[in-house]
Amino acid sequence: MGRECLSCGMPMTIKGDHGAGDLSCAYCRFCAPSGTLKSRGEVRAGWIDFVMRAQCLTREEAEKKVDTAMQDMPAWKRQA
C-alpha cells in the first residue's frame, strides 16, 4: 500500500488507515471516516488539535503550521 492521505499526508499503510477501510479511498480515516472527505474546516480543526497535542504547540502555532501544510495538499491546493 504505502499511500499518503491527499488531505493531510498521513501515511496509510494498512486497510484501516483508509477512509471507511476502503483501499481505494484517497483519504485517511480521520479526513474521511465514512469514505467521503470532510469539509476543509472540519479537517483543519482536527489537524490543528492533533498538531497541538503531538507537537506541544500553542493553537496559534498549530494553526500556522496546518494552514501552511494544507496549501500543499492535493485536496486543498489552491488553483492558480
PDB file of N, CA and C in Angstrom:
ATOM      1  N   MET A   1       0.832  -1.188   0.000  1.00  0.00           N
ATOM      2  CA  MET A   1       0.000   0.000   0.000  1.00  0.00           C
ATOM      3  C   MET A   1       0.877   1.252   0.000  1.00  0.00           C
ATOM      4  N   GLY A   2       1.248   1.762   1.156  1.00  0.00           N
ATOM      5  CA  GLY A   2       2.187   2.852   1.241  1.00  0.00           C
ATOM      6  C   GLY A   2       1.743   4.163   0.614  1.00  0.00           C
ATOM      7  N   ARG A   3       0.466   4.481   0.683  1.00  0.00           N
ATOM      8  CA  ARG A   3      -0.008   5.757   0.162  1.00  0.00           C
ATOM      9  C   ARG A   3      -0.121   6.766   1.283  1.00  0.00           C
ATOM     10  N   GLU A   4      -0.218   8.036   0.896  1.00  0.00           N
ATOM     11  CA  GLU A   4      -0.450   9.099   1.871  1.00  0.00           C
ATOM     12  C   GLU A   4      -1.802   9.733   1.589  1.00  0.00           C
ATOM     13  N   CYS A   5      -2.473  10.148   2.647  1.00  0.00           N
ATOM     14  CA  CYS A   5      -3.750  10.834   2.522  1.00  0.00           C
ATOM     15  C   CYS A   5      -3.560  12.110   1.711  1.00  0.00           C
ATOM     16  N   LEU A   6      -4.410  12.323   0.724  1.00  0.00           N
ATOM     17  CA  LEU A   6      -4.308  13.513  -0.124  1.00  0.00           C
ATOM     18  C   LEU A   6      -4.832  14.765   0.571  1.00  0.00           C
ATOM     19  N   SER A   7      -5.362  14.596   1.761  1.00  0.00           N
ATOM     20  CA  SER A   7      -5.886  15.731   2.526  1.00  0.00           C
ATOM     21  C   SER A   7      -4.921  16.191   3.613  1.00  0.00           C
ATOM     22  N   CYS A   8      -4.297  15.231   4.325  1.00  0.00           N
ATOM     23  CA  CYS A   8      -3.430  15.607   5.452  1.00  0.00           C
ATOM     24  C   CYS A   8      -2.023  15.021   5.381  1.00  0.00           C
ATOM     25  N   GLY A   9      -1.798  14.081   4.479  1.00  0.00           N
ATOM     26  CA  GLY A   9      -0.472  13.484   4.335  1.00  0.00           C
ATOM     27  C   GLY A   9      -0.204  12.300   5.242  1.00  0.00           C
ATOM     28  N   MET A  10      -1.192  11.884   6.015  1.00  0.00           N
ATOM     29  CA  MET A  10      -0.990  10.739   6.905  1.00  0.00           C
ATOM     30  C   MET A  10      -0.641   9.493   6.092  1.00  0.00           C
ATOM     31  N   PRO A  11       0.388   8.762   6.517  1.00  0.00           N
ATOM     32  CA  PRO A  11       0.694   7.500   5.835  1.00  0.00           C
ATOM     33  C   PRO A  11      -0.460   6.512   6.031  1.00  0.00           C
ATOM     34  N   MET A  12      -0.843   5.869   4.954  1.00  0.00           N
ATOM     35  CA  MET A  12      -1.907   4.859   5.018  1.00  0.00           C
ATOM     36  C   MET A  12      -1.276   3.529   4.636  1.00  0.00           C
ATOM     37  N   THR A  13      -0.875   2.788   5.655  1.00  0.00           N
ATOM     38  CA  THR A  13      -0.117   1.566   5.415  1.00  0.00           C
ATOM     39  C   THR A  13      -0.953   0.294   5.547  1.00  0.00           C
ATOM     40  N   ILE A  14      -2.107   0.422   6.215  1.00  0.00           N
ATOM     41  CA  ILE A  14      -2.991  -0.728   6.347  1.00  0.00           C
ATOM     42  C   ILE A  14      -4.407  -0.326   5.942  1.00  0.00           C
ATOM     43  N   LYS A  15      -5.241  -1.318   5.683  1.00  0.00           N
ATOM     44  CA  LYS A  15      -6.610  -1.066   5.238  1.00  0.00           C
ATOM     45  C   LYS A  15      -7.342  -0.115   6.188  1.00  0.00           C
ATOM     46  N   GLY A  16      -7.172  -0.287   7.481  1.00  0.00           N
ATOM     47  CA  GLY A  16      -7.849   0.529   8.469  1.00  0.00           C
ATOM     48  C   GLY A  16      -7.443   1.990   8.476  1.00  0.00           C
ATOM     49  N   ASP A  17      -6.341   2.317   7.840  1.00  0.00           N
ATOM     50  CA  ASP A  17      -5.900   3.714   7.753  1.00  0.00           C
ATOM     51  C   ASP A  17      -6.716   4.500   6.735  1.00  0.00           C
ATOM     52  N   HIS A  18      -7.307   3.795   5.784  1.00  0.00           N
ATOM     53  CA  HIS A  18      -8.071   4.432   4.705  1.00  0.00           C
ATOM     54  C   HIS A  18      -9.482   4.767   5.177  1.00  0.00           C
ATOM     55  N   GLY A  19     -10.049   5.829   4.624  1.00  0.00           N
ATOM     56  CA  GLY A  19     -11.422   6.189   4.938  1.00  0.00           C
ATOM     57  C   GLY A  19     -12.351   5.021   4.706  1.00  0.00           C
ATOM     58  N   ALA A  20     -13.197   4.732   5.682  1.00  0.00           N
ATOM     59  CA  ALA A  20     -14.161   3.627   5.642  1.00  0.00           C
ATOM     60  C   ALA A  20     -13.481   2.263   5.429  1.00  0.00           C
ATOM     61  N   GLY A  21     -12.174   2.194   5.661  1.00  0.00           N
ATOM     62  CA  GLY A  21     -11.463   0.939   5.458  1.00  0.00           C
ATOM     63  C   GLY A  21     -11.405   0.508   4.006  1.00  0.00           C
ATOM     64  N   ASP A  22     -11.614   1.465   3.104  1.00  0.00           N
ATOM     65  CA  ASP A  22     -11.668   1.206   1.662  1.00  0.00           C
ATOM     66  C   ASP A  22     -10.315   1.549   1.044  1.00  0.00           C
ATOM     67  N   LEU A  23      -9.622   0.551   0.562  1.00  0.00           N
ATOM     68  CA  LEU A  23      -8.288   0.764  -0.011  1.00  0.00           C
ATOM     69  C   LEU A  23      -8.285   1.711  -1.202  1.00  0.00           C
ATOM     70  N   SER A  24      -9.418   1.887  -1.856  1.00  0.00           N
ATOM     71  CA  SER A  24      -9.466   2.807  -2.998  1.00  0.00           C
ATOM     72  C   SER A  24      -9.678   4.255  -2.566  1.00  0.00           C
ATOM     73  N   CYS A  25      -9.966   4.476  -1.281  1.00  0.00           N
ATOM     74  CA  CYS A  25     -10.185   5.834  -0.764  1.00  0.00           C
ATOM     75  C   CYS A  25      -8.834   6.546  -0.669  1.00  0.00           C
ATOM     76  N   ALA A  26      -8.758   7.733  -1.233  1.00  0.00           N
ATOM     77  CA  ALA A  26      -7.511   8.503  -1.254  1.00  0.00           C
ATOM     78  C   ALA A  26      -7.289   9.300   0.029  1.00  0.00           C
ATOM     79  N   TYR A  27      -8.229   9.176   0.960  1.00  0.00           N
ATOM     80  CA  TYR A  27      -8.156   9.952   2.197  1.00  0.00           C
ATOM     81  C   TYR A  27      -8.122   9.018   3.402  1.00  0.00           C
ATOM     82  N   CYS A  28      -7.519   9.488   4.488  1.00  0.00           N
ATOM     83  CA  CYS A  28      -7.366   8.674   5.691  1.00  0.00           C
ATOM     84  C   CYS A  28      -8.658   8.589   6.498  1.00  0.00           C
ATOM     85  N   ARG A  29      -8.623   7.760   7.510  1.00  0.00           N
ATOM     86  CA  ARG A  29      -9.786   7.530   8.359  1.00  0.00           C
ATOM     87  C   ARG A  29     -10.185   8.748   9.164  1.00  0.00           C
ATOM     88  N   PHE A  30      -9.271   9.698   9.329  1.00  0.00           N
ATOM     89  CA  PHE A  30      -9.592  10.913  10.068  1.00  0.00           C
ATOM     90  C   PHE A  30     -10.226  11.969   9.160  1.00  0.00           C
ATOM     91  N   CYS A  31      -9.757  12.061   7.938  1.00  0.00           N
ATOM     92  CA  CYS A  31     -10.274  13.051   6.991  1.00  0.00           C
ATOM     93  C   CYS A  31     -11.551  12.586   6.299  1.00  0.00           C
ATOM     94  N   ALA A  32     -11.720  11.277   6.203  1.00  0.00           N
ATOM     95  CA  ALA A  32     -12.899  10.720   5.521  1.00  0.00           C
ATOM     96  C   ALA A  32     -13.360   9.451   6.226  1.00  0.00           C
ATOM     97  N   PRO A  33     -13.820   9.558   7.473  1.00  0.00           N
ATOM     98  CA  PRO A  33     -14.184   8.348   8.220  1.00  0.00           C
ATOM     99  C   PRO A  33     -15.245   7.490   7.534  1.00  0.00           C
ATOM    100  N   SER A  34     -16.145   8.118   6.787  1.00  0.00           N
ATOM    101  CA  SER A  34     -17.194   7.359   6.090  1.00  0.00           C
ATOM    102  C   SER A  34     -16.833   7.087   4.637  1.00  0.00           C
ATOM    103  N   GLY A  35     -15.634   7.534   4.225  1.00  0.00           N
ATOM    104  CA  GLY A  35     -15.211   7.376   2.836  1.00  0.00           C
ATOM    105  C   GLY A  35     -15.381   8.650   2.027  1.00  0.00           C
ATOM    106  N   THR A  36     -16.092   9.620   2.583  1.00  0.00           N
ATOM    107  CA  THR A  36     -16.298  10.914   1.922  1.00  0.00           C
ATOM    108  C   THR A  36     -15.505  11.969   2.683  1.00  0.00           C
ATOM    109  N   LEU A  37     -14.724  12.753   1.966  1.00  0.00           N
ATOM    110  CA  LEU A  37     -13.874  13.771   2.573  1.00  0.00           C
ATOM    111  C   LEU A  37     -14.703  14.792   3.349  1.00  0.00           C
ATOM    112  N   LYS A  38     -14.281  15.061   4.581  1.00  0.00           N
ATOM    113  CA  LYS A  38     -14.918  16.102   5.396  1.00  0.00           C
ATOM    114  C   LYS A  38     -14.650  17.465   4.754  1.00  0.00           C
ATOM    115  N   SER A  39     -15.329  18.479   5.247  1.00  0.00           N
ATOM    116  CA  SER A  39     -15.093  19.832   4.743  1.00  0.00           C
ATOM    117  C   SER A  39     -13.691  20.298   5.135  1.00  0.00           C
ATOM    118  N   ARG A  40     -13.213  21.300   4.422  1.00  0.00           N
ATOM    119  CA  ARG A  40     -11.892  21.859   4.723  1.00  0.00           C
ATOM    120  C   ARG A  40     -11.827  22.314   6.179  1.00  0.00           C
ATOM    121  N   GLY A  41     -12.868  22.973   6.651  1.00  0.00           N
ATOM    122  CA  GLY A  41     -12.899  23.466   8.026  1.00  0.00           C
ATOM    123  C   GLY A  41     -12.836  22.353   9.051  1.00  0.00           C
ATOM    124  N   GLU A  42     -13.549  21.254   8.790  1.00  0.00           N
ATOM    125  CA  GLU A  42     -13.529  20.119   9.714  1.00  0.00           C
ATOM    126  C   GLU A  42     -12.154  19.460   9.753  1.00  0.00           C
ATOM    127  N   VAL A  43     -11.553  19.274   8.576  1.00  0.00           N
ATOM    128  CA  VAL A  43     -10.221  18.670   8.514  1.00  0.00           C
ATOM    129  C   VAL A  43      -9.215  19.582   9.208  1.00  0.00           C
ATOM    130  N   ARG A  44      -9.305  20.877   8.927  1.00  0.00           N
ATOM    131  CA  ARG A  44      -8.377  21.849   9.533  1.00  0.00           C
ATOM    132  C   ARG A  44      -8.466  21.813  11.057  1.00  0.00           C
ATOM    133  N   ALA A  45      -9.677  21.819  11.589  1.00  0.00           N
ATOM    134  CA  ALA A  45      -9.869  21.821  13.041  1.00  0.00           C
ATOM    135  C   ALA A  45      -9.275  20.564  13.682  1.00  0.00           C
ATOM    136  N   GLY A  46      -9.526  19.415  13.089  1.00  0.00           N
ATOM    137  CA  GLY A  46      -8.989  18.168  13.626  1.00  0.00           C
ATOM    138  C   GLY A  46      -7.474  18.115  13.540  1.00  0.00           C
ATOM    139  N   TRP A  47      -6.945  18.605  12.445  1.00  0.00           N
ATOM    140  CA  TRP A  47      -5.500  18.602  12.239  1.00  0.00           C
ATOM    141  C   TRP A  47      -4.830  19.538  13.240  1.00  0.00           C
ATOM    142  N   ILE A  48      -5.423  20.696  13.481  1.00  0.00           N
ATOM    143  CA  ILE A  48      -4.874  21.645  14.454  1.00  0.00           C
ATOM    144  C   ILE A  48      -4.841  21.006  15.840  1.00  0.00           C
ATOM    145  N   ASP A  49      -5.932  20.379  16.243  1.00  0.00           N
ATOM    146  CA  ASP A  49      -5.969  19.717  17.549  1.00  0.00           C
ATOM    147  C   ASP A  49      -4.887  18.653  17.658  1.00  0.00           C
ATOM    148  N   PHE A  50      -4.717  17.864  16.592  1.00  0.00           N
ATOM    149  CA  PHE A  50      -3.694  16.820  16.590  1.00  0.00           C
ATOM    150  C   PHE A  50      -2.292  17.429  16.725  1.00  0.00           C
ATOM    151  N   VAL A  51      -1.997  18.459  15.949  1.00  0.00           N
ATOM    152  CA  VAL A  51      -0.664  19.083  15.979  1.00  0.00           C
ATOM    153  C   VAL A  51      -0.389  19.707  17.344  1.00  0.00           C
ATOM    154  N   MET A  52      -1.390  20.323  17.944  1.00  0.00           N
ATOM    155  CA  MET A  52      -1.206  20.907  19.275  1.00  0.00           C
ATOM    156  C   MET A  52      -0.785  19.832  20.278  1.00  0.00           C
ATOM    157  N   ARG A  53      -1.468  18.694  20.251  1.00  0.00           N
ATOM    158  CA  ARG A  53      -1.157  17.607  21.188  1.00  0.00           C
ATOM    159  C   ARG A  53       0.172  16.931  20.858  1.00  0.00           C
ATOM    160  N   ALA A  54       0.364  16.599  19.599  1.00  0.00           N
ATOM    161  CA  ALA A  54       1.534  15.817  19.193  1.00  0.00           C
ATOM    162  C   ALA A  54       2.839  16.603  19.274  1.00  0.00           C
ATOM    163  N   GLN A  55       2.761  17.914  19.020  1.00  0.00           N
ATOM    164  CA  GLN A  55       3.981  18.716  18.969  1.00  0.00           C
ATOM    165  C   GLN A  55       4.063  19.750  20.088  1.00  0.00           C
ATOM    166  N   CYS A  56       3.112  19.701  21.012  1.00  0.00           N
ATOM    167  CA  CYS A  56       3.086  20.622  22.156  1.00  0.00           C
ATOM    168  C   CYS A  56       3.182  22.083  21.709  1.00  0.00           C
ATOM    169  N   LEU A  57       2.352  22.434  20.732  1.00  0.00           N
ATOM    170  CA  LEU A  57       2.335  23.796  20.217  1.00  0.00           C
ATOM    171  C   LEU A  57       1.113  24.545  20.732  1.00  0.00           C
ATOM    172  N   THR A  58       1.192  25.866  20.716  1.00  0.00           N
ATOM    173  CA  THR A  58       0.023  26.672  21.033  1.00  0.00           C
ATOM    174  C   THR A  58      -0.940  26.579  19.856  1.00  0.00           C
ATOM    175  N   ARG A  59      -2.190  26.986  20.081  1.00  0.00           N
ATOM    176  CA  ARG A  59      -3.176  26.968  18.998  1.00  0.00           C
ATOM    177  C   ARG A  59      -2.688  27.819  17.831  1.00  0.00           C
ATOM    178  N   GLU A  60      -2.171  29.001  18.121  1.00  0.00           N
ATOM    179  CA  GLU A  60      -1.704  29.893  17.056  1.00  0.00           C
ATOM    180  C   GLU A  60      -0.578  29.253  16.244  1.00  0.00           C
ATOM    181  N   GLU A  61       0.369  28.627  16.917  1.00  0.00           N
ATOM    182  CA  GLU A  61       1.476  27.951  16.223  1.00  0.00           C
ATOM    183  C   GLU A  61       0.951  26.804  15.359  1.00  0.00           C
ATOM    184  N   ALA A  62       0.035  26.032  15.924  1.00  0.00           N
ATOM    185  CA  ALA A  62      -0.531  24.894  15.191  1.00  0.00           C
ATOM    186  C   ALA A  62      -1.334  25.368  13.986  1.00  0.00           C
ATOM    187  N   GLU A  63      -2.113  26.440  14.148  1.00  0.00           N
ATOM    188  CA  GLU A  63      -2.884  26.971  13.028  1.00  0.00           C
ATOM    189  C   GLU A  63      -1.976  27.382  11.881  1.00  0.00           C
ATOM    190  N   LYS A  64      -0.888  28.068  12.183  1.00  0.00           N
ATOM    191  CA  LYS A  64       0.054  28.498  11.135  1.00  0.00           C
ATOM    192  C   LYS A  64       0.658  27.287  10.434  1.00  0.00           C
ATOM    193  N   LYS A  65       1.058  26.305  11.216  1.00  0.00           N
ATOM    194  CA  LYS A  65       1.675  25.099  10.651  1.00  0.00           C
ATOM    195  C   LYS A  65       0.694  24.351   9.748  1.00  0.00           C
ATOM    196  N   VAL A  66      -0.529  24.174  10.218  1.00  0.00           N
ATOM    197  CA  VAL A  66      -1.539  23.444   9.451  1.00  0.00           C
ATOM    198  C   VAL A  66      -1.936  24.227   8.205  1.00  0.00           C
ATOM    199  N   ASP A  67      -2.134  25.524   8.331  1.00  0.00           N
ATOM    200  CA  ASP A  67      -2.517  26.326   7.169  1.00  0.00           C
ATOM    201  C   ASP A  67      -1.449  26.272   6.083  1.00  0.00           C
ATOM    202  N   THR A  68      -0.202  26.296   6.482  1.00  0.00           N
ATOM    203  CA  THR A  68       0.896  26.187   5.515  1.00  0.00           C
ATOM    204  C   THR A  68       0.894  24.811   4.855  1.00  0.00           C
ATOM    205  N   ALA A  69       0.727  23.773   5.657  1.00  0.00           N
ATOM    206  CA  ALA A  69       0.744  22.408   5.126  1.00  0.00           C
ATOM    207  C   ALA A  69      -0.447  22.155   4.201  1.00  0.00           C
ATOM    208  N   MET A  70      -1.610  22.681   4.550  1.00  0.00           N
ATOM    209  CA  MET A  70      -2.801  22.435   3.729  1.00  0.00           C
ATOM    210  C   MET A  70      -2.665  23.022   2.326  1.00  0.00           C
ATOM    211  N   GLN A  71      -1.917  24.092   2.196  1.00  0.00           N
ATOM    212  CA  GLN A  71      -1.728  24.716   0.882  1.00  0.00           C
ATOM    213  C   GLN A  71      -1.062  23.766  -0.106  1.00  0.00           C
ATOM    214  N   ASP A  72      -0.283  22.820   0.412  1.00  0.00           N
ATOM    215  CA  ASP A  72       0.451  21.891  -0.446  1.00  0.00           C
ATOM    216  C   ASP A  72      -0.241  20.541  -0.625  1.00  0.00           C
ATOM    217  N   MET A  73      -1.326  20.324   0.082  1.00  0.00           N
ATOM    218  CA  MET A  73      -2.013  19.044  -0.017  1.00  0.00           C
ATOM    219  C   MET A  73      -2.927  19.033  -1.245  1.00  0.00           C
ATOM    220  N   PRO A  74      -2.890  17.968  -2.045  1.00  0.00           N
ATOM    221  CA  PRO A  74      -3.696  17.901  -3.273  1.00  0.00           C
ATOM    222  C   PRO A  74      -5.176  18.218  -3.066  1.00  0.00           C
ATOM    223  N   ALA A  75      -5.755  17.788  -1.962  1.00  0.00           N
ATOM    224  CA  ALA A  75      -7.187  18.020  -1.737  1.00  0.00           C
ATOM    225  C   ALA A  75      -7.507  19.495  -1.510  1.00  0.00           C
ATOM    226  N   TRP A  76      -6.527  20.255  -1.053  1.00  0.00           N
ATOM    227  CA  TRP A  76      -6.779  21.642  -0.658  1.00  0.00           C
ATOM    228  C   TRP A  76      -5.954  22.655  -1.439  1.00  0.00           C
ATOM    229  N   LYS A  77      -5.106  22.179  -2.314  1.00  0.00           N
ATOM    230  CA  LYS A  77      -4.203  23.065  -3.056  1.00  0.00           C
ATOM    231  C   LYS A  77      -5.007  24.144  -3.791  1.00  0.00           C
ATOM    232  N   ARG A  78      -4.546  25.339  -3.630  1.00  0.00           N
ATOM    233  CA  ARG A  78      -5.222  26.454  -4.310  1.00  0.00           C
ATOM    234  C   ARG A  78      -4.933  26.399  -5.794  1.00  0.00           C
ATOM    235  N   GLN A  79      -5.954  26.642  -6.561  1.00  0.00           N
ATOM    236  CA  GLN A  79      -5.799  26.656  -8.015  1.00  0.00           C
ATOM    237  C   GLN A  79      -5.200  27.983  -8.434  1.00  0.00           C
ATOM    238  N   ALA A  80      -4.206  27.916  -9.284  1.00  0.00           N
ATOM    239  CA  ALA A  80      -3.550  29.143  -9.770  1.00  0.00           C
ATOM    240  C   ALA A  80      -4.357  29.781 -10.870  1.00  0.00           C
TER     241      ALA A  80
END
